[in-house]
Amino acid sequence: MSKTPAFISENHQMLIDGEWVAAASGKRFDVYNPSNGEKLATAAEGDKQDVDAAVKAARRAFESGQWRKMTPSERGQLLWRIAELIEKHSDELATIESLDNGKPQKVAKVADVALSADMFRYMAGWPTKITGSTIPLSVGGADYHSYTLREPVGVVGQI
């Protein structure tokens, strides 16, 4: 395995609203290397108050941010760029993944990291493919025109 990146041993905070912040409670937890039990770092221990702050920040970003205003093509290009960055930093990401879960770094690189880049590329193709639908309706002897429009509508939380 390559050398442990220096930032691994730092005390880590949470990224909320574009800022690195401590947990509202001040709580932290230790992160251990599962292959040898050594302490790698400490990290902020988020709870309900931190999740609420993150969701509020995400909602503000959604309402006024660039993503919602981007064209589907621009969204796809951005997702493709993330895939490129994953590949560019694949050695470092594989080291982090290996330290996080104890799997061999080579496996992390060819499976987890490579598949992550592939997933971003796959998703990059979707923004220009997700379109509305036109549905002819006939109710009570009258013909109607109904359509759907798919567009971003809100915040998604993921763990």
C-alpha atoms as a PDB file:
ATOM      1  CA  MET A   1       0.000   0.000   0.000  1.00  0.00           C
ATOM      2  CA  SER A   2       1.225   3.494  -0.714  1.00  0.00           C
ATOM      3  CA  LYS A   3       2.051   5.926   2.042  1.00  0.00           C
ATOM      4  CA  THR A   4      -0.892   7.152   4.130  1.00  0.00           C
ATOM      5  CA  PRO A   5      -1.897  10.630   2.949  1.00  0.00           C
ATOM      6  CA  ALA A   6      -1.026  13.301   5.538  1.00  0.00           C
ATOM      7  CA  PHE A   7      -4.566  14.654   5.726  1.00  0.00           C
ATOM      8  CA  ILE A   8      -5.865  11.297   6.993  1.00  0.00           C
ATOM      9  CA  SER A   9      -4.383  11.933  10.441  1.00  0.00           C
ATOM     10  CA  GLU A  10      -5.893  15.412  10.735  1.00  0.00           C
ATOM     11  CA  ASN A  11      -8.924  16.235  12.860  1.00  0.00           C
ATOM     12  CA  HIS A  12     -11.812  16.353  10.411  1.00  0.00           C
ATOM     13  CA  GLN A  13     -14.896  18.523  10.389  1.00  0.00           C
ATOM     14  CA  MET A  14     -18.137  18.445   8.421  1.00  0.00           C
ATOM     15  CA  LEU A  15     -18.704  20.389   5.211  1.00  0.00           C
ATOM     16  CA  ILE A  16     -21.968  22.289   5.650  1.00  0.00           C
ATOM     17  CA  ASP A  17     -22.994  25.290   3.554  1.00  0.00           C
ATOM     18  CA  GLY A  18     -19.554  25.457   1.946  1.00  0.00           C
ATOM     19  CA  GLU A  19     -17.752  25.723   5.289  1.00  0.00           C
ATOM     20  CA  TRP A  20     -15.797  23.207   7.349  1.00  0.00           C
ATOM     21  CA  VAL A  21     -17.529  23.162  10.748  1.00  0.00           C
ATOM     22  CA  ALA A  22     -17.361  21.238  13.999  1.00  0.00           C
ATOM     23  CA  ALA A  23     -20.372  19.245  15.163  1.00  0.00           C
ATOM     24  CA  ALA A  24     -22.901  21.486  16.923  1.00  0.00           C
ATOM     25  CA  SER A  25     -22.564  19.247  19.983  1.00  0.00           C
ATOM     26  CA  GLY A  26     -18.771  19.435  19.840  1.00  0.00           C
ATOM     27  CA  LYS A  27     -18.660  15.619  19.809  1.00  0.00           C
ATOM     28  CA  ARG A  28     -15.971  13.777  17.855  1.00  0.00           C
ATOM     29  CA  PHE A  29     -15.228  10.120  17.168  1.00  0.00           C
ATOM     30  CA  ASP A  30     -12.067   8.182  16.421  1.00  0.00           C
ATOM     31  CA  VAL A  31     -11.549   6.522  13.035  1.00  0.00           C
ATOM     32  CA  TYR A  32      -9.552   3.291  13.051  1.00  0.00           C
ATOM     33  CA  ASN A  33      -7.740   1.317  10.392  1.00  0.00           C
ATOM     34  CA  PRO A  34      -9.681  -1.981  10.346  1.00  0.00           C
ATOM     35  CA  SER A  35      -6.640  -3.956   9.182  1.00  0.00           C
ATOM     36  CA  ASN A  36      -4.532  -3.210  12.257  1.00  0.00           C
ATOM     37  CA  GLY A  37      -6.705  -1.282  14.719  1.00  0.00           C
ATOM     38  CA  GLU A  38      -4.515   1.822  14.657  1.00  0.00           C
ATOM     39  CA  LYS A  39      -6.192   5.186  15.089  1.00  0.00           C
ATOM     40  CA  LEU A  40      -6.138   7.100  11.805  1.00  0.00           C
ATOM     41  CA  ALA A  41      -7.974  10.307  12.655  1.00  0.00           C
ATOM     42  CA  THR A  42     -10.788  11.929  14.569  1.00  0.00           C
ATOM     43  CA  ALA A  43     -13.901  13.291  12.929  1.00  0.00           C
ATOM     44  CA  ALA A  44     -16.850  15.467  13.866  1.00  0.00           C
ATOM     45  CA  GLU A  45     -19.825  13.439  15.110  1.00  0.00           C
ATOM     46  CA  GLY A  46     -22.880  14.955  13.493  1.00  0.00           C
ATOM     47  CA  ASP A  47     -26.347  14.614  14.942  1.00  0.00           C
ATOM     48  CA  LYS A  48     -29.867  15.910  14.263  1.00  0.00           C
ATOM     49  CA  GLN A  49     -28.886  19.577  14.591  1.00  0.00           C
ATOM     50  CA  ASP A  50     -26.061  19.135  12.057  1.00  0.00           C
ATOM     51  CA  VAL A  51     -28.289  17.219   9.640  1.00  0.00           C
ATOM     52  CA  ASP A  52     -30.927  19.952   9.895  1.00  0.00           C
ATOM     53  CA  ALA A  53     -28.275  22.620   9.145  1.00  0.00           C
ATOM     54  CA  ALA A  54     -27.025  20.625   6.153  1.00  0.00           C
ATOM     55  CA  VAL A  55     -30.541  20.139   4.774  1.00  0.00           C
ATOM     56  CA  LYS A  56     -31.336  23.851   5.163  1.00  0.00           C
ATOM     57  CA  ALA A  57     -28.078  24.755   3.382  1.00  0.00           C
ATOM     58  CA  ALA A  58     -28.835  22.272   0.609  1.00  0.00           C
ATOM     59  CA  ARG A  59     -32.334  23.707   0.200  1.00  0.00           C
ATOM     60  CA  ARG A  60     -30.920  27.263  -0.047  1.00  0.00           C
ATOM     61  CA  ALA A  61     -28.363  26.071  -2.594  1.00  0.00           C
ATOM     62  CA  PHE A  62     -31.088  24.327  -4.549  1.00  0.00           C
ATOM     63  CA  GLU A  63     -33.387  27.347  -4.582  1.00  0.00           C
ATOM     64  CA  SER A  64     -30.750  29.882  -5.558  1.00  0.00           C
ATOM     65  CA  GLY A  65     -27.852  27.797  -6.783  1.00  0.00           C
ATOM     66  CA  GLN A  66     -26.432  27.086 -10.191  1.00  0.00           C
ATOM     67  CA  TRP A  67     -27.442  23.405 -10.536  1.00  0.00           C
ATOM     68  CA  ARG A  68     -31.129  24.190 -10.931  1.00  0.00           C
ATOM     69  CA  LYS A  69     -30.359  26.844 -13.547  1.00  0.00           C
ATOM     70  CA  MET A  70     -27.982  24.678 -15.599  1.00  0.00           C
ATOM     71  CA  THR A  71     -29.030  23.161 -18.870  1.00  0.00           C
ATOM     72  CA  PRO A  72     -29.203  19.368 -18.995  1.00  0.00           C
ATOM     73  CA  SER A  73     -26.068  19.396 -21.145  1.00  0.00           C
ATOM     74  CA  GLU A  74     -24.177  21.462 -18.552  1.00  0.00           C
ATOM     75  CA  ARG A  75     -25.254  19.067 -15.790  1.00  0.00           C
ATOM     76  CA  GLY A  76     -23.973  16.124 -17.806  1.00  0.00           C
ATOM     77  CA  GLN A  77     -20.656  17.861 -18.439  1.00  0.00           C
ATOM     78  CA  LEU A  78     -20.230  18.552 -14.730  1.00  0.00           C
ATOM     79  CA  LEU A  79     -20.918  14.929 -13.809  1.00  0.00           C
ATOM     80  CA  TRP A  80     -18.441  13.807 -16.493  1.00  0.00           C
ATOM     81  CA  ARG A  81     -15.837  16.151 -14.970  1.00  0.00           C
ATOM     82  CA  ILE A  82     -16.320  14.506 -11.568  1.00  0.00           C
ATOM     83  CA  ALA A  83     -15.558  11.131 -13.200  1.00  0.00           C
ATOM     84  CA  GLU A  84     -12.375  12.600 -14.665  1.00  0.00           C
ATOM     85  CA  LEU A  85     -11.315  13.910 -11.251  1.00  0.00           C
ATOM     86  CA  ILE A  86     -11.994  10.526  -9.641  1.00  0.00           C
ATOM     87  CA  GLU A  87      -9.709   8.917 -12.211  1.00  0.00           C
ATOM     88  CA  LYS A  88      -7.056  11.611 -11.820  1.00  0.00           C
ATOM     89  CA  HIS A  89      -6.947  11.021  -8.049  1.00  0.00           C
ATOM     90  CA  SER A  90      -7.542   7.255  -8.205  1.00  0.00           C
ATOM     91  CA  ASP A  91      -4.382   6.308  -6.278  1.00  0.00           C
ATOM     92  CA  GLU A  92      -5.196   8.624  -3.405  1.00  0.00           C
ATOM     93  CA  LEU A  93      -8.869   7.609  -3.359  1.00  0.00           C
ATOM     94  CA  ALA A  94      -7.918   3.918  -3.402  1.00  0.00           C
ATOM     95  CA  THR A  95      -5.597   4.483  -0.430  1.00  0.00           C
ATOM     96  CA  ILE A  96      -8.371   6.214   1.492  1.00  0.00           C
ATOM     97  CA  GLU A  97     -10.868   3.460   0.638  1.00  0.00           C
ATOM     98  CA  SER A  98      -8.387   0.793   1.655  1.00  0.00           C
ATOM     99  CA  LEU A  99      -7.703   2.489   4.986  1.00  0.00           C
ATOM    100  CA  ASP A 100     -11.408   3.011   5.593  1.00  0.00           C
ATOM    101  CA  ASN A 101     -12.542  -0.572   5.105  1.00  0.00           C
ATOM    102  CA  GLY A 102      -9.423  -2.736   5.182  1.00  0.00           C
ATOM    103  CA  LYS A 103      -9.613  -4.108   1.648  1.00  0.00           C
ATOM    104  CA  PRO A 104      -6.471  -4.301  -0.488  1.00  0.00           C
ATOM    105  CA  GLN A 105      -5.636  -1.033  -2.214  1.00  0.00           C
ATOM    106  CA  LYS A 106      -5.467  -2.714  -5.628  1.00  0.00           C
ATOM    107  CA  VAL A 107      -9.018  -4.010  -5.199  1.00  0.00           C
ATOM    108  CA  ALA A 108     -10.216  -0.589  -4.079  1.00  0.00           C
ATOM    109  CA  LYS A 109      -8.640   0.989  -7.162  1.00  0.00           C
ATOM    110  CA  VAL A 110     -10.011  -1.421  -9.794  1.00  0.00           C
ATOM    111  CA  ALA A 111     -13.396  -1.920  -8.134  1.00  0.00           C
ATOM    112  CA  ASP A 112     -14.594   0.885  -5.870  1.00  0.00           C
ATOM    113  CA  VAL A 113     -12.779   3.826  -7.439  1.00  0.00           C
ATOM    114  CA  ALA A 114     -13.072   2.741 -11.069  1.00  0.00           C
ATOM    115  CA  LEU A 115     -16.739   1.829 -10.669  1.00  0.00           C
ATOM    116  CA  SER A 116     -17.423   5.205  -9.023  1.00  0.00           C
ATOM    117  CA  ALA A 117     -15.977   6.982 -12.060  1.00  0.00           C
ATOM    118  CA  ASP A 118     -18.034   4.720 -14.334  1.00  0.00           C
ATOM    119  CA  MET A 119     -21.212   5.516 -12.378  1.00  0.00           C
ATOM    120  CA  PHE A 120     -20.656   9.269 -12.725  1.00  0.00           C
ATOM    121  CA  ARG A 121     -20.155   8.816 -16.476  1.00  0.00           C
ATOM    122  CA  TYR A 122     -23.323   6.744 -16.708  1.00  0.00           C
ATOM    123  CA  MET A 123     -25.289   9.388 -14.796  1.00  0.00           C
ATOM    124  CA  ALA A 124     -23.716  12.136 -16.931  1.00  0.00           C
ATOM    125  CA  GLY A 125     -25.628  10.734 -19.894  1.00  0.00           C
ATOM    126  CA  TRP A 126     -29.016  10.981 -18.211  1.00  0.00           C
ATOM    127  CA  PRO A 127     -29.653  14.734 -17.913  1.00  0.00           C
ATOM    128  CA  THR A 128     -30.133  15.047 -21.669  1.00  0.00           C
ATOM    129  CA  LYS A 129     -32.252  11.865 -21.806  1.00  0.00           C
ATOM    130  CA  ILE A 130     -34.738  12.562 -19.014  1.00  0.00           C
ATOM    131  CA  THR A 131     -37.541  14.323 -20.793  1.00  0.00           C
ATOM    132  CA  GLY A 132     -41.247  14.859 -20.370  1.00  0.00           C
ATOM    133  CA  SER A 133     -43.977  12.735 -21.848  1.00  0.00           C
ATOM    134  CA  THR A 134     -47.042  13.628 -23.853  1.00  0.00           C
ATOM    135  CA  ILE A 135     -50.131  11.606 -23.036  1.00  0.00           C
ATOM    136  CA  PRO A 136     -53.354  11.845 -25.021  1.00  0.00           C
ATOM    137  CA  LEU A 137     -56.430  11.657 -22.783  1.00  0.00           C
ATOM    138  CA  SER A 138     -60.044  11.174 -23.705  1.00  0.00           C
ATOM    139  CA  VAL A 139     -62.522  11.820 -20.911  1.00  0.00           C
ATOM    140  CA  GLY A 140     -66.271  12.194 -21.283  1.00  0.00           C
ATOM    141  CA  GLY A 141     -66.065  12.332 -25.065  1.00  0.00           C
ATOM    142  CA  ALA A 142     -63.556  15.212 -25.076  1.00  0.00           C
ATOM    143  CA  ASP A 143     -59.911  14.924 -26.049  1.00  0.00           C
ATOM    144  CA  TYR A 144     -57.228  16.461 -23.851  1.00  0.00           C
ATOM    145  CA  HIS A 145     -53.504  16.923 -24.053  1.00  0.00           C
ATOM    146  CA  SER A 146     -51.539  16.050 -20.922  1.00  0.00           C
ATOM    147  CA  TYR A 147     -47.788  16.242 -20.441  1.00  0.00           C
ATOM    148  CA  THR A 148     -45.154  15.737 -17.764  1.00  0.00           C
ATOM    149  CA  LEU A 149     -42.046  17.795 -17.229  1.00  0.00           C
ATOM    150  CA  ARG A 150     -39.186  16.268 -15.257  1.00  0.00           C
ATOM    151  CA  GLU A 151     -37.006  18.798 -13.492  1.00  0.00           C
ATOM    152  CA  PRO A 152     -35.105  19.044 -10.182  1.00  0.00           C
ATOM    153  CA  VAL A 153     -37.561  19.579  -7.356  1.00  0.00           C
ATOM    154  CA  GLY A 154     -35.630  19.354  -4.103  1.00  0.00           C
ATOM    155  CA  VAL A 155     -32.994  18.180  -1.717  1.00  0.00           C
ATOM    156  CA  VAL A 156     -31.924  14.557  -1.360  1.00  0.00           C
ATOM    157  CA  GLY A 157     -30.159  13.206   1.727  1.00  0.00           C
ATOM    158  CA  GLN A 158     -27.881  10.219   1.461  1.00  0.00           C
ATOM    159  CA  ILE A 159     -25.726   8.348   3.953  1.00  0.00           C
END
